[in-house]
Every structure is written in C-alpha cells, then in structure tokens.
Amino acid sequence: MSTGSTHETTDAELLVTERTRLRRGKDKGRTARADLHAVLADGFVCHLGVVVDGTPMVVPTVYGATGDTLYFHGSVASRSLVSASEGVVCVTVTHVDGIVLARSAFEHSINYRSAMIYGVPRLVVEDDEKLSGLRVLTEQAMRGQWDYVRQPTRKEMAATTLLALPLDEASVKVRMGPPDDGDGPDAGLGLWAGVVPLINERGTPQPDPALPPDVPLPPHLRRLNAP
C-alpha cells in the first residue's frame, strides 16, 4: 500500500514512496529487493509498530518471511494484532553487526542491516495458508523443527491470529566498515579506532530438565554444532 508518490521501478527494485524515501544517510540505502530478503532471512524477531486505542505501541514478535509476504502471529486476544489488522503498520528488523569505535565520541557508530516495512496486514483465515504461515514462522526460527514436533490442533489454530504483510513498501539501510574519521584531523591523535564485531549465533541445545534421558537430540539440532 502506498500513500505517496512513487517512481518507476522493476520487480528487482523496492518501490520508493514518501514513507520509504530516505532523507538522511542516503548512501546507506539499498534499493534492491534482494537486500530486503537478505535482511529478513537473517532474523526471526521483528518489532511491530502499531497504534492501539490512540497510543503508539511497538511490540517485539516472531516473524517468518517467504516470497513477498511477511507473517507474524499471536493470540486472538492480542490488542496489537487486532489493531494491526485495521490499519497501516510499520514492521522493523535490525541486525547489529559491530560497534564502530572512532577517535572522537562524535564519530562513534554501529555497523548494521535494517529494514522498515509499511502496509496493511491481511488477516489469514484460510486453514491451509494459516498452517503454511505458521510453518514459515517456525522454520525461520529453527529449520527442521516444524516436521519434528506435533502439529497444531484445530483448537490451537482457532486461538491463534496470523497476519500477512505484503513486502510491497519497504526501505533497507546498511552500514559497514571502519570509522569515518580515518582521514580527518583526529587521525593524528594516536588513539585506537576500529570495529568490535558482534556475532549472533545458535549455541549448544540445552535439554528441558523434565526430558527423559533416553530422548535423543533430533538431527536438525545436532547439525547446529557439526564441524
């Protein structure tokens, strides 16, 4: 959904609207749709920005992305999801890749990849799509988990709200590299500058204390620590 002027684009590019047009840090902008998919593929937690009863609310929630759709879900009693299905929302996904330490406090920064997606989510009511969307959510968080566990019952499906947000209107920003003051006056101060990388990875699975000792770790989790 767009409320602003656009320019001509192709399927390989993101549509630029008044909401997604970058005003600052334009050099960090990415217009390739592939860059949006890459940001979404590397995460599974987003922040849903929505207005509930006249008050802004930002809710962290699990998502799953496939094709040109982003799915997120929650309880049917969730006020944020009810409001989200009634108007425009803003969903953000951010990965912090490093702390950029400069020679001056002013030039400190972070290396990051981020996406902002605008649109009106669609309430998923058809059973097959709802089941498929929940699979996408689960698999994005942990690949192989959906086929390993018990599938949702009709009662559980009825208690779950699933929303589908089109990836039609989005912006992507990326910062990479060292501090920006390496060729300025502060370069002669003799102070260390560089990047402290931040790495987010899945660790060794920890069993539920209630788990019987003879229940083996499933193959898709054993692969997490494979050399």
C-alpha atoms as a PDB file:
ATOM      1  CA  MET A   1       0.000   0.000   0.000  1.00  0.00           C
ATOM      2  CA  SER A   2       1.320   3.435  -0.875  1.00  0.00           C
ATOM      3  CA  THR A   3       0.109   6.861   0.104  1.00  0.00           C
ATOM      4  CA  GLY A   4       2.834   8.889  -1.574  1.00  0.00           C
ATOM      5  CA  SER A   5       4.311   9.470  -4.980  1.00  0.00           C
ATOM      6  CA  THR A   6       6.444   6.746  -6.491  1.00  0.00           C
ATOM      7  CA  HIS A   7       8.959   6.394  -9.232  1.00  0.00           C
ATOM      8  CA  GLU A   8       9.109   3.717 -11.864  1.00  0.00           C
ATOM      9  CA  THR A   9      10.644   0.527 -10.612  1.00  0.00           C
ATOM     10  CA  THR A  10      11.159  -3.105 -11.582  1.00  0.00           C
ATOM     11  CA  ASP A  11      10.458  -6.348  -9.785  1.00  0.00           C
ATOM     12  CA  ALA A  12      14.109  -6.391  -8.742  1.00  0.00           C
ATOM     13  CA  GLU A  13      13.844  -2.994  -7.034  1.00  0.00           C
ATOM     14  CA  LEU A  14      11.999  -1.774  -3.988  1.00  0.00           C
ATOM     15  CA  LEU A  15       9.212   0.684  -4.621  1.00  0.00           C
ATOM     16  CA  VAL A  16      10.119   4.131  -3.263  1.00  0.00           C
ATOM     17  CA  THR A  17       7.266   6.044  -1.609  1.00  0.00           C
ATOM     18  CA  GLU A  18       7.061   9.097   0.607  1.00  0.00           C
ATOM     19  CA  ARG A  19       7.188   6.769   3.611  1.00  0.00           C
ATOM     20  CA  THR A  20      10.249   4.833   2.448  1.00  0.00           C
ATOM     21  CA  ARG A  21      12.217   7.626   0.780  1.00  0.00           C
ATOM     22  CA  LEU A  22      15.450   8.215   2.715  1.00  0.00           C
ATOM     23  CA  ARG A  23      16.011  11.770   3.888  1.00  0.00           C
ATOM     24  CA  ARG A  24      19.270  11.198   5.781  1.00  0.00           C
ATOM     25  CA  GLY A  25      22.078   8.695   5.290  1.00  0.00           C
ATOM     26  CA  LYS A  26      21.091   8.126   1.681  1.00  0.00           C
ATOM     27  CA  ASP A  27      24.448   6.479   0.992  1.00  0.00           C
ATOM     28  CA  LYS A  28      23.399   3.649   3.320  1.00  0.00           C
ATOM     29  CA  GLY A  29      20.196   2.964   1.427  1.00  0.00           C
ATOM     30  CA  ARG A  30      19.689  -0.213  -0.572  1.00  0.00           C
ATOM     31  CA  THR A  31      17.053  -0.382  -3.295  1.00  0.00           C
ATOM     32  CA  ALA A  32      17.476  -3.981  -4.482  1.00  0.00           C
ATOM     33  CA  ARG A  33      14.654  -6.240  -3.357  1.00  0.00           C
ATOM     34  CA  ALA A  34      17.287  -8.943  -2.789  1.00  0.00           C
ATOM     35  CA  ASP A  35      18.760  -6.816   0.012  1.00  0.00           C
ATOM     36  CA  LEU A  36      15.377  -6.759   1.769  1.00  0.00           C
ATOM     37  CA  HIS A  37      15.067 -10.525   1.509  1.00  0.00           C
ATOM     38  CA  ALA A  38      18.612 -10.944   2.850  1.00  0.00           C
ATOM     39  CA  VAL A  39      17.865  -8.832   5.946  1.00  0.00           C
ATOM     40  CA  LEU A  40      14.653 -10.742   6.630  1.00  0.00           C
ATOM     41  CA  ALA A  41      16.282 -14.141   6.068  1.00  0.00           C
ATOM     42  CA  ASP A  42      18.943 -13.476   8.709  1.00  0.00           C
ATOM     43  CA  GLY A  43      16.476 -12.931  11.563  1.00  0.00           C
ATOM     44  CA  PHE A  44      13.232 -14.104  13.106  1.00  0.00           C
ATOM     45  CA  VAL A  45      12.307 -11.305  15.547  1.00  0.00           C
ATOM     46  CA  CYS A  46      10.771  -8.062  14.342  1.00  0.00           C
ATOM     47  CA  HIS A  47       9.238  -5.026  16.021  1.00  0.00           C
ATOM     48  CA  LEU A  48       5.645  -4.266  15.106  1.00  0.00           C
ATOM     49  CA  GLY A  49       4.739  -0.585  15.306  1.00  0.00           C
ATOM     50  CA  VAL A  50       1.001  -0.029  15.642  1.00  0.00           C
ATOM     51  CA  VAL A  51      -1.451   2.420  17.202  1.00  0.00           C
ATOM     52  CA  VAL A  52      -3.664   0.815  19.865  1.00  0.00           C
ATOM     53  CA  ASP A  53      -6.552   2.868  21.239  1.00  0.00           C
ATOM     54  CA  GLY A  54      -4.839   6.051  20.079  1.00  0.00           C
ATOM     55  CA  THR A  55      -1.487   5.190  21.688  1.00  0.00           C
ATOM     56  CA  PRO A  56       1.631   4.134  19.746  1.00  0.00           C
ATOM     57  CA  MET A  57       2.884   0.661  20.635  1.00  0.00           C
ATOM     58  CA  VAL A  58       5.975  -1.224  19.462  1.00  0.00           C
ATOM     59  CA  VAL A  59       5.746  -4.972  20.026  1.00  0.00           C
ATOM     60  CA  PRO A  60       8.596  -7.464  19.546  1.00  0.00           C
ATOM     61  CA  THR A  61       7.301 -10.573  17.830  1.00  0.00           C
ATOM     62  CA  VAL A  62       8.466 -13.599  15.848  1.00  0.00           C
ATOM     63  CA  TYR A  63       8.101 -13.424  12.084  1.00  0.00           C
ATOM     64  CA  GLY A  64       8.597 -15.585   9.049  1.00  0.00           C
ATOM     65  CA  ALA A  65       9.186 -14.326   5.506  1.00  0.00           C
ATOM     66  CA  THR A  66       8.522 -16.138   2.276  1.00  0.00           C
ATOM     67  CA  GLY A  67       8.242 -14.804  -1.249  1.00  0.00           C
ATOM     68  CA  ASP A  68       6.696 -11.356  -0.986  1.00  0.00           C
ATOM     69  CA  THR A  69       4.921 -11.902   2.342  1.00  0.00           C
ATOM     70  CA  LEU A  70       5.911 -11.485   5.972  1.00  0.00           C
ATOM     71  CA  TYR A  71       3.875 -13.451   8.525  1.00  0.00           C
ATOM     72  CA  PHE A  72       3.548 -12.704  12.240  1.00  0.00           C
ATOM     73  CA  HIS A  73       1.202 -14.152  14.816  1.00  0.00           C
ATOM     74  CA  GLY A  74      -0.119 -14.079  18.356  1.00  0.00           C
ATOM     75  CA  SER A  75      -3.154 -14.733  20.491  1.00  0.00           C
ATOM     76  CA  VAL A  76      -6.607 -13.897  19.165  1.00  0.00           C
ATOM     77  CA  ALA A  77      -6.927 -11.688  22.257  1.00  0.00           C
ATOM     78  CA  SER A  78      -3.867  -9.603  21.317  1.00  0.00           C
ATOM     79  CA  ARG A  79      -4.832  -5.916  21.148  1.00  0.00           C
ATOM     80  CA  SER A  80      -1.833  -5.111  18.963  1.00  0.00           C
ATOM     81  CA  LEU A  81      -2.777  -7.713  16.349  1.00  0.00           C
ATOM     82  CA  VAL A  82      -6.402  -6.622  16.300  1.00  0.00           C
ATOM     83  CA  SER A  83      -5.297  -3.031  15.707  1.00  0.00           C
ATOM     84  CA  ALA A  84      -2.694  -4.132  13.156  1.00  0.00           C
ATOM     85  CA  SER A  85      -5.364  -5.747  11.004  1.00  0.00           C
ATOM     86  CA  GLU A  86      -7.314  -2.472  10.878  1.00  0.00           C
ATOM     87  CA  GLY A  87      -4.727  -0.010   9.556  1.00  0.00           C
ATOM     88  CA  VAL A  88      -1.198   0.747   8.396  1.00  0.00           C
ATOM     89  CA  VAL A  89       1.637  -0.715  10.474  1.00  0.00           C
ATOM     90  CA  CYS A  90       5.402  -0.359  10.408  1.00  0.00           C
ATOM     91  CA  VAL A  91       7.474  -3.505  10.948  1.00  0.00           C
ATOM     92  CA  THR A  92      11.220  -3.206  11.524  1.00  0.00           C
ATOM     93  CA  VAL A  93      14.007  -5.791  11.527  1.00  0.00           C
ATOM     94  CA  THR A  94      17.536  -4.873  12.627  1.00  0.00           C
ATOM     95  CA  HIS A  95      20.817  -6.780  12.840  1.00  0.00           C
ATOM     96  CA  VAL A  96      23.699  -5.143  14.717  1.00  0.00           C
ATOM     97  CA  ASP A  97      26.986  -6.428  13.268  1.00  0.00           C
ATOM     98  CA  GLY A  98      29.525  -4.331  15.136  1.00  0.00           C
ATOM     99  CA  ILE A  99      30.306  -1.361  17.360  1.00  0.00           C
ATOM    100  CA  VAL A 100      32.286   1.245  15.436  1.00  0.00           C
ATOM    101  CA  LEU A 101      34.807   2.923  17.752  1.00  0.00           C
ATOM    102  CA  ALA A 102      36.182   6.163  16.381  1.00  0.00           C
ATOM    103  CA  ARG A 103      38.819   8.593  17.627  1.00  0.00           C
ATOM    104  CA  SER A 104      36.183  11.061  18.755  1.00  0.00           C
ATOM    105  CA  ALA A 105      32.915  10.459  20.587  1.00  0.00           C
ATOM    106  CA  PHE A 106      31.030  12.245  17.820  1.00  0.00           C
ATOM    107  CA  GLU A 107      32.096   9.756  15.125  1.00  0.00           C
ATOM    108  CA  HIS A 108      31.172   6.573  17.008  1.00  0.00           C
ATOM    109  CA  SER A 109      28.614   4.440  15.192  1.00  0.00           C
ATOM    110  CA  ILE A 110      27.409   0.871  14.644  1.00  0.00           C
ATOM    111  CA  ASN A 111      27.517  -1.450  11.673  1.00  0.00           C
ATOM    112  CA  TYR A 112      24.017  -2.694  10.987  1.00  0.00           C
ATOM    113  CA  ARG A 113      21.499  -4.012   8.469  1.00  0.00           C
ATOM    114  CA  SER A 114      17.905  -2.886   8.844  1.00  0.00           C
ATOM    115  CA  ALA A 115      14.559  -2.948   7.075  1.00  0.00           C
ATOM    116  CA  MET A 116      11.340  -0.990   7.581  1.00  0.00           C
ATOM    117  CA  ILE A 117       8.156  -2.367   6.040  1.00  0.00           C
ATOM    118  CA  TYR A 118       4.886  -0.457   5.756  1.00  0.00           C
ATOM    119  CA  GLY A 119       1.459  -1.773   4.859  1.00  0.00           C
ATOM    120  CA  VAL A 120      -1.930  -3.011   5.973  1.00  0.00           C
ATOM    121  CA  PRO A 121      -1.663  -6.626   7.196  1.00  0.00           C
ATOM    122  CA  ARG A 122      -4.191  -9.167   5.997  1.00  0.00           C
ATOM    123  CA  LEU A 123      -5.883 -11.488   8.483  1.00  0.00           C
ATOM    124  CA  VAL A 124      -5.227 -15.076   7.373  1.00  0.00           C
ATOM    125  CA  VAL A 125      -8.421 -17.102   7.716  1.00  0.00           C
ATOM    126  CA  GLU A 126      -7.992 -19.942   5.236  1.00  0.00           C
ATOM    127  CA  ASP A 127      -6.775 -23.063   7.061  1.00  0.00           C
ATOM    128  CA  ASP A 128      -4.175 -24.166   4.519  1.00  0.00           C
ATOM    129  CA  GLU A 129      -2.483 -20.764   4.353  1.00  0.00           C
ATOM    130  CA  LYS A 130      -2.662 -20.396   8.117  1.00  0.00           C
ATOM    131  CA  LEU A 131      -0.925 -23.721   8.612  1.00  0.00           C
ATOM    132  CA  SER A 132       1.625 -22.862   5.934  1.00  0.00           C
ATOM    133  CA  GLY A 133       2.290 -19.450   7.509  1.00  0.00           C
ATOM    134  CA  LEU A 134       2.829 -20.968  10.944  1.00  0.00           C
ATOM    135  CA  ARG A 135       5.259 -23.406   9.375  1.00  0.00           C
ATOM    136  CA  VAL A 136       7.179 -20.489   7.835  1.00  0.00           C
ATOM    137  CA  LEU A 137       7.373 -18.818  11.271  1.00  0.00           C
ATOM    138  CA  THR A 138       8.629 -21.962  12.980  1.00  0.00           C
ATOM    139  CA  GLU A 139      11.140 -22.854  10.297  1.00  0.00           C
ATOM    140  CA  GLN A 140      12.573 -19.334  10.221  1.00  0.00           C
ATOM    141  CA  ALA A 141      13.372 -19.580  13.934  1.00  0.00           C
ATOM    142  CA  MET A 142      14.683 -23.161  13.748  1.00  0.00           C
ATOM    143  CA  ARG A 143      14.885 -25.025  10.477  1.00  0.00           C
ATOM    144  CA  GLY A 144      13.643 -28.610  10.720  1.00  0.00           C
ATOM    145  CA  GLN A 145      11.547 -28.046  13.853  1.00  0.00           C
ATOM    146  CA  TRP A 146       8.102 -27.998  12.230  1.00  0.00           C
ATOM    147  CA  ASP A 147       8.285 -31.545  10.877  1.00  0.00           C
ATOM    148  CA  TYR A 148       9.757 -32.824  14.149  1.00  0.00           C
ATOM    149  CA  VAL A 149       7.032 -31.657  16.554  1.00  0.00           C
ATOM    150  CA  ARG A 150       3.294 -32.265  16.891  1.00  0.00           C
ATOM    151  CA  GLN A 151       1.223 -30.165  14.509  1.00  0.00           C
ATOM    152  CA  PRO A 152      -1.316 -27.612  15.844  1.00  0.00           C
ATOM    153  CA  THR A 153      -4.791 -28.839  16.724  1.00  0.00           C
ATOM    154  CA  ARG A 154      -7.940 -27.124  15.467  1.00  0.00           C
ATOM    155  CA  LYS A 155      -8.398 -25.592  18.910  1.00  0.00           C
ATOM    156  CA  GLU A 156      -4.852 -24.208  18.870  1.00  0.00           C
ATOM    157  CA  MET A 157      -5.331 -22.871  15.352  1.00  0.00           C
ATOM    158  CA  ALA A 158      -8.530 -21.135  16.411  1.00  0.00           C
ATOM    159  CA  ALA A 159      -6.716 -19.499  19.338  1.00  0.00           C
ATOM    160  CA  THR A 160      -4.025 -18.075  17.034  1.00  0.00           C
ATOM    161  CA  THR A 161      -4.159 -14.933  14.929  1.00  0.00           C
ATOM    162  CA  LEU A 162      -1.927 -14.924  11.852  1.00  0.00           C
ATOM    163  CA  LEU A 163      -1.356 -11.754   9.852  1.00  0.00           C
ATOM    164  CA  ALA A 164       0.230 -11.498   6.411  1.00  0.00           C
ATOM    165  CA  LEU A 165       2.022  -8.276   5.471  1.00  0.00           C
ATOM    166  CA  PRO A 166       2.967  -7.716   1.809  1.00  0.00           C
ATOM    167  CA  LEU A 167       6.558  -6.682   1.125  1.00  0.00           C
ATOM    168  CA  ASP A 168       5.420  -4.039  -1.334  1.00  0.00           C
ATOM    169  CA  GLU A 169       6.590  -0.942   0.525  1.00  0.00           C
ATOM    170  CA  ALA A 170       9.904  -1.177   2.347  1.00  0.00           C
ATOM    171  CA  SER A 171      13.242   0.535   2.842  1.00  0.00           C
ATOM    172  CA  VAL A 172      16.611  -1.006   3.650  1.00  0.00           C
ATOM    173  CA  LYS A 173      19.678   0.642   5.190  1.00  0.00           C
ATOM    174  CA  VAL A 174      23.124  -0.877   5.733  1.00  0.00           C
ATOM    175  CA  ARG A 175      26.304   0.443   7.346  1.00  0.00           C
ATOM    176  CA  MET A 176      29.534  -1.492   7.004  1.00  0.00           C
ATOM    177  CA  GLY A 177      33.198  -0.759   7.516  1.00  0.00           C
ATOM    178  CA  PRO A 178      35.541   1.258   9.766  1.00  0.00           C
ATOM    179  CA  PRO A 179      35.044   4.666  11.425  1.00  0.00           C
ATOM    180  CA  ASP A 180      34.669   7.701   9.200  1.00  0.00           C
ATOM    181  CA  ASP A 181      37.473   9.737  10.787  1.00  0.00           C
ATOM    182  CA  GLY A 182      40.480   7.833   9.451  1.00  0.00           C
ATOM    183  CA  ASP A 183      41.368  10.599   7.032  1.00  0.00           C
ATOM    184  CA  GLY A 184      40.398  13.576   9.197  1.00  0.00           C
ATOM    185  CA  PRO A 185      42.236  15.734  11.756  1.00  0.00           C
ATOM    186  CA  ASP A 186      41.626  13.212  14.565  1.00  0.00           C
ATOM    187  CA  ALA A 187      43.632  10.547  12.712  1.00  0.00           C
ATOM    188  CA  GLY A 188      46.789  12.036  14.226  1.00  0.00           C
ATOM    189  CA  LEU A 189      45.690  11.706  17.861  1.00  0.00           C
ATOM    190  CA  GLY A 190      47.356   8.311  18.271  1.00  0.00           C
ATOM    191  CA  LEU A 191      44.138   6.730  19.551  1.00  0.00           C
ATOM    192  CA  TRP A 192      42.975   3.221  18.642  1.00  0.00           C
ATOM    193  CA  ALA A 193      39.972   3.064  16.343  1.00  0.00           C
ATOM    194  CA  GLY A 194      38.180   0.205  14.644  1.00  0.00           C
ATOM    195  CA  VAL A 195      35.252  -2.172  14.907  1.00  0.00           C
ATOM    196  CA  VAL A 196      34.222  -4.603  17.642  1.00  0.00           C
ATOM    197  CA  PRO A 197      32.250  -7.311  15.780  1.00  0.00           C
ATOM    198  CA  LEU A 198      29.004  -8.622  17.264  1.00  0.00           C
ATOM    199  CA  ILE A 199      28.102 -12.181  16.331  1.00  0.00           C
ATOM    200  CA  ASN A 200      24.668 -13.717  16.883  1.00  0.00           C
ATOM    201  CA  GLU A 201      24.684 -17.492  16.567  1.00  0.00           C
ATOM    202  CA  ARG A 202      22.787 -20.531  17.791  1.00  0.00           C
ATOM    203  CA  GLY A 203      24.580 -22.298  20.635  1.00  0.00           C
ATOM    204  CA  THR A 204      24.548 -25.821  22.034  1.00  0.00           C
ATOM    205  CA  PRO A 205      20.971 -27.041  22.702  1.00  0.00           C
ATOM    206  CA  GLN A 206      20.114 -27.361  26.409  1.00  0.00           C
ATOM    207  CA  PRO A 207      17.585 -30.093  27.238  1.00  0.00           C
ATOM    208  CA  ASP A 208      14.421 -29.471  29.229  1.00  0.00           C
ATOM    209  CA  PRO A 209      15.056 -30.686  32.838  1.00  0.00           C
ATOM    210  CA  ALA A 210      11.828 -32.703  32.534  1.00  0.00           C
ATOM    211  CA  LEU A 211      13.111 -34.521  29.449  1.00  0.00           C
ATOM    212  CA  PRO A 212      13.738 -38.289  29.952  1.00  0.00           C
ATOM    213  CA  PRO A 213      17.434 -39.090  29.467  1.00  0.00           C
ATOM    214  CA  ASP A 214      16.750 -41.538  26.636  1.00  0.00           C
ATOM    215  CA  VAL A 215      15.233 -38.903  24.304  1.00  0.00           C
ATOM    216  CA  PRO A 216      17.918 -38.165  21.686  1.00  0.00           C
ATOM    217  CA  LEU A 217      18.724 -34.804  20.197  1.00  0.00           C
ATOM    218  CA  PRO A 218      16.997 -34.646  16.783  1.00  0.00           C
ATOM    219  CA  PRO A 219      19.174 -34.458  13.655  1.00  0.00           C
ATOM    220  CA  HIS A 220      18.296 -30.849  12.814  1.00  0.00           C
ATOM    221  CA  LEU A 221      19.580 -29.755  16.236  1.00  0.00           C
ATOM    222  CA  ARG A 222      22.660 -31.962  16.117  1.00  0.00           C
ATOM    223  CA  ARG A 223      23.639 -30.146  12.929  1.00  0.00           C
ATOM    224  CA  LEU A 224      23.894 -26.867  14.850  1.00  0.00           C
ATOM    225  CA  ASN A 225      27.210 -27.951  16.349  1.00  0.00           C
ATOM    226  CA  ALA A 226      28.508 -30.011  13.459  1.00  0.00           C
ATOM    227  CA  PRO A 227      32.050 -29.062  12.395  1.00  0.00           C
END
